[in-house]
C-alpha atoms as a PDB file:
ATOM      1  CA  MET A   1      19.988  -3.958  -6.939  1.00  0.00           C
ATOM      2  CA  ASN A   2      18.143  -6.027  -9.477  1.00  0.00           C
ATOM      3  CA  PRO A   3      16.336  -3.623 -11.865  1.00  0.00           C
ATOM      4  CA  VAL A   4      13.227  -5.819 -11.966  1.00  0.00           C
ATOM      5  CA  LEU A   5      12.950  -5.757  -8.158  1.00  0.00           C
ATOM      6  CA  ALA A   6      13.599  -2.013  -8.093  1.00  0.00           C
ATOM      7  CA  ALA A   7      10.886  -1.336 -10.684  1.00  0.00           C
ATOM      8  CA  GLY A   8       8.415  -3.617  -8.910  1.00  0.00           C
ATOM      9  CA  GLN A   9       9.085  -1.977  -5.567  1.00  0.00           C
ATOM     10  CA  LEU A  10       8.683   1.485  -7.097  1.00  0.00           C
ATOM     11  CA  ILE A  11       5.358   0.597  -8.730  1.00  0.00           C
ATOM     12  CA  VAL A  12       4.023  -1.020  -5.552  1.00  0.00           C
ATOM     13  CA  SER A  13       5.127   1.932  -3.403  1.00  0.00           C
ATOM     14  CA  VAL A  14       3.349   4.462  -5.646  1.00  0.00           C
ATOM     15  CA  ALA A  15       0.173   2.344  -5.675  1.00  0.00           C
ATOM     16  CA  LEU A  16       0.379   1.944  -1.896  1.00  0.00           C
ATOM     17  CA  THR A  17       0.736   5.695  -1.440  1.00  0.00           C
ATOM     18  CA  PHE A  18      -2.351   6.377  -3.550  1.00  0.00           C
ATOM     19  CA  SER A  19      -4.413   3.690  -1.840  1.00  0.00           C
ATOM     20  CA  VAL A  20      -3.583   5.127   1.583  1.00  0.00           C
ATOM     21  CA  LEU A  21      -4.369   8.678   0.462  1.00  0.00           C
ATOM     22  CA  LEU A  22      -7.756   7.577  -0.900  1.00  0.00           C
ATOM     23  CA  GLN A  23      -8.810   6.442   2.547  1.00  0.00           C
ATOM     24  CA  SER A  24     -10.167   9.376   4.524  1.00  0.00           C
ATOM     25  CA  ARG A  25      -9.301   9.373   8.183  1.00  0.00           C
ATOM     26  CA  GLY A  26     -12.341   9.069  10.404  1.00  0.00           C
ATOM     27  CA  SER A  27     -14.822   8.900   7.551  1.00  0.00           C
ATOM     28  CA  GLY A  28     -15.593   6.742   4.599  1.00  0.00           C
ATOM     29  CA  LEU A  29     -15.304   7.602   0.949  1.00  0.00           C
ATOM     30  CA  GLY A  30     -18.638   9.361   1.263  1.00  0.00           C
ATOM     31  CA  GLY A  31     -17.004  11.924   3.538  1.00  0.00           C
ATOM     32  CA  THR A  32     -14.435  12.647   0.863  1.00  0.00           C
ATOM     33  CA  PHE A  33     -17.114  13.862  -1.518  1.00  0.00           C
ATOM     34  CA  GLY A  34     -19.077  16.001   0.920  1.00  0.00           C
ATOM     35  CA  GLY A  35     -21.129  13.460   2.834  1.00  0.00           C
ATOM     36  CA  ASP A  36     -20.935  13.624   6.619  1.00  0.00           C
ATOM     37  CA  SER A  37     -20.651  10.359   8.501  1.00  0.00           C
ATOM     38  CA  THR A  38     -20.466  10.697  12.269  1.00  0.00           C
ATOM     39  CA  VAL A  39     -21.919   7.274  13.017  1.00  0.00           C
ATOM     40  CA  TYR A  40     -19.552   4.327  13.369  1.00  0.00           C
ATOM     41  CA  ARG A  41     -20.128   1.778  10.680  1.00  0.00           C
ATOM     42  CA  SER A  42     -18.262  -1.057   9.035  1.00  0.00           C
ATOM     43  CA  ARG A  43     -16.520  -0.762   5.704  1.00  0.00           C
ATOM     44  CA  ARG A  44     -18.713  -1.790   2.810  1.00  0.00           C
ATOM     45  CA  GLY A  45     -18.406  -1.957  -0.917  1.00  0.00           C
ATOM     46  CA  ILE A  46     -15.536  -0.050  -2.438  1.00  0.00           C
ATOM     47  CA  GLU A  47     -14.176   1.018   0.957  1.00  0.00           C
ATOM     48  CA  ARG A  48     -13.758  -2.606   1.951  1.00  0.00           C
ATOM     49  CA  ARG A  49     -12.108  -3.507  -1.355  1.00  0.00           C
ATOM     50  CA  LEU A  50      -9.763  -0.510  -1.045  1.00  0.00           C
ATOM     51  CA  TRP A  51      -8.844  -1.618   2.480  1.00  0.00           C
ATOM     52  CA  GLN A  52      -8.135  -5.165   1.280  1.00  0.00           C
ATOM     53  CA  PHE A  53      -6.163  -3.851  -1.705  1.00  0.00           C
ATOM     54  CA  THR A  54      -4.045  -1.740   0.651  1.00  0.00           C
ATOM     55  CA  ILE A  55      -3.258  -4.797   2.771  1.00  0.00           C
ATOM     56  CA  VAL A  56      -2.237  -6.760  -0.343  1.00  0.00           C
ATOM     57  CA  LEU A  57       0.001  -3.881  -1.437  1.00  0.00           C
ATOM     58  CA  ILE A  58       1.650  -3.804   1.994  1.00  0.00           C
ATOM     59  CA  GLY A  59       2.397  -7.511   1.688  1.00  0.00           C
ATOM     60  CA  LEU A  60       3.826  -7.035  -1.813  1.00  0.00           C
ATOM     61  CA  PHE A  61       5.983  -4.129  -0.658  1.00  0.00           C
ATOM     62  CA  VAL A  62       7.402  -6.191   2.202  1.00  0.00           C
ATOM     63  CA  ALA A  63       8.027  -9.128  -0.160  1.00  0.00           C
ATOM     64  CA  PHE A  64       9.846  -6.892  -2.669  1.00  0.00           C
ATOM     65  CA  SER A  65      11.920  -5.359   0.124  1.00  0.00           C
ATOM     66  CA  ILE A  66      12.953  -8.743   1.517  1.00  0.00           C
ATOM     67  CA  ALA A  67      13.729 -10.058  -1.975  1.00  0.00           C
ATOM     68  CA  ALA A  68      15.843  -6.981  -2.725  1.00  0.00           C
ATOM     69  CA  TYR A  69      17.764  -7.547   0.492  1.00  0.00           C
ATOM     70  CA  LEU A  70      18.288 -11.254  -0.160  1.00  0.00           C
ATOM     71  CA  PHE A  71      19.387 -10.787  -3.772  1.00  0.00           C
ATOM     72  CA  ALA A  72      21.603  -7.754  -3.117  1.00  0.00           C
ATOM     73  CA  PRO A  73      25.239  -8.313  -4.037  1.00  0.00           C
ATOM     74  CA  SER A  74      27.353  -8.938  -0.988  1.00  0.00           C
ATOM     75  CA  THR A  75      30.447  -6.829  -0.413  1.00  0.00           C
ATOM     76  CA  PRO A  76      33.545  -8.470   1.010  1.00  0.00           C
ATOM     77  CA  ALA A  77      34.504  -7.481   4.533  1.00  0.00           C
ATOM     78  CA  ALA A  78      37.620  -5.342   4.758  1.00  0.00           C
END
């Protein structure tokens, strides 16, 4: 595997893991720090940016994975 692709995929995967863990299930970031939010509401502010950043990271991870597959050395069939 190309070391540049491997490093890029590793960095993106760690960032993706952290961005997913920052999003609290069923509540916004306010619920993470002690606020209680039982009313449905749309994402605003940093929550929306974190959501968009997560989607971008997913796209980058898929792109790195496809590139690693396409540029992998082929082995001859036996």
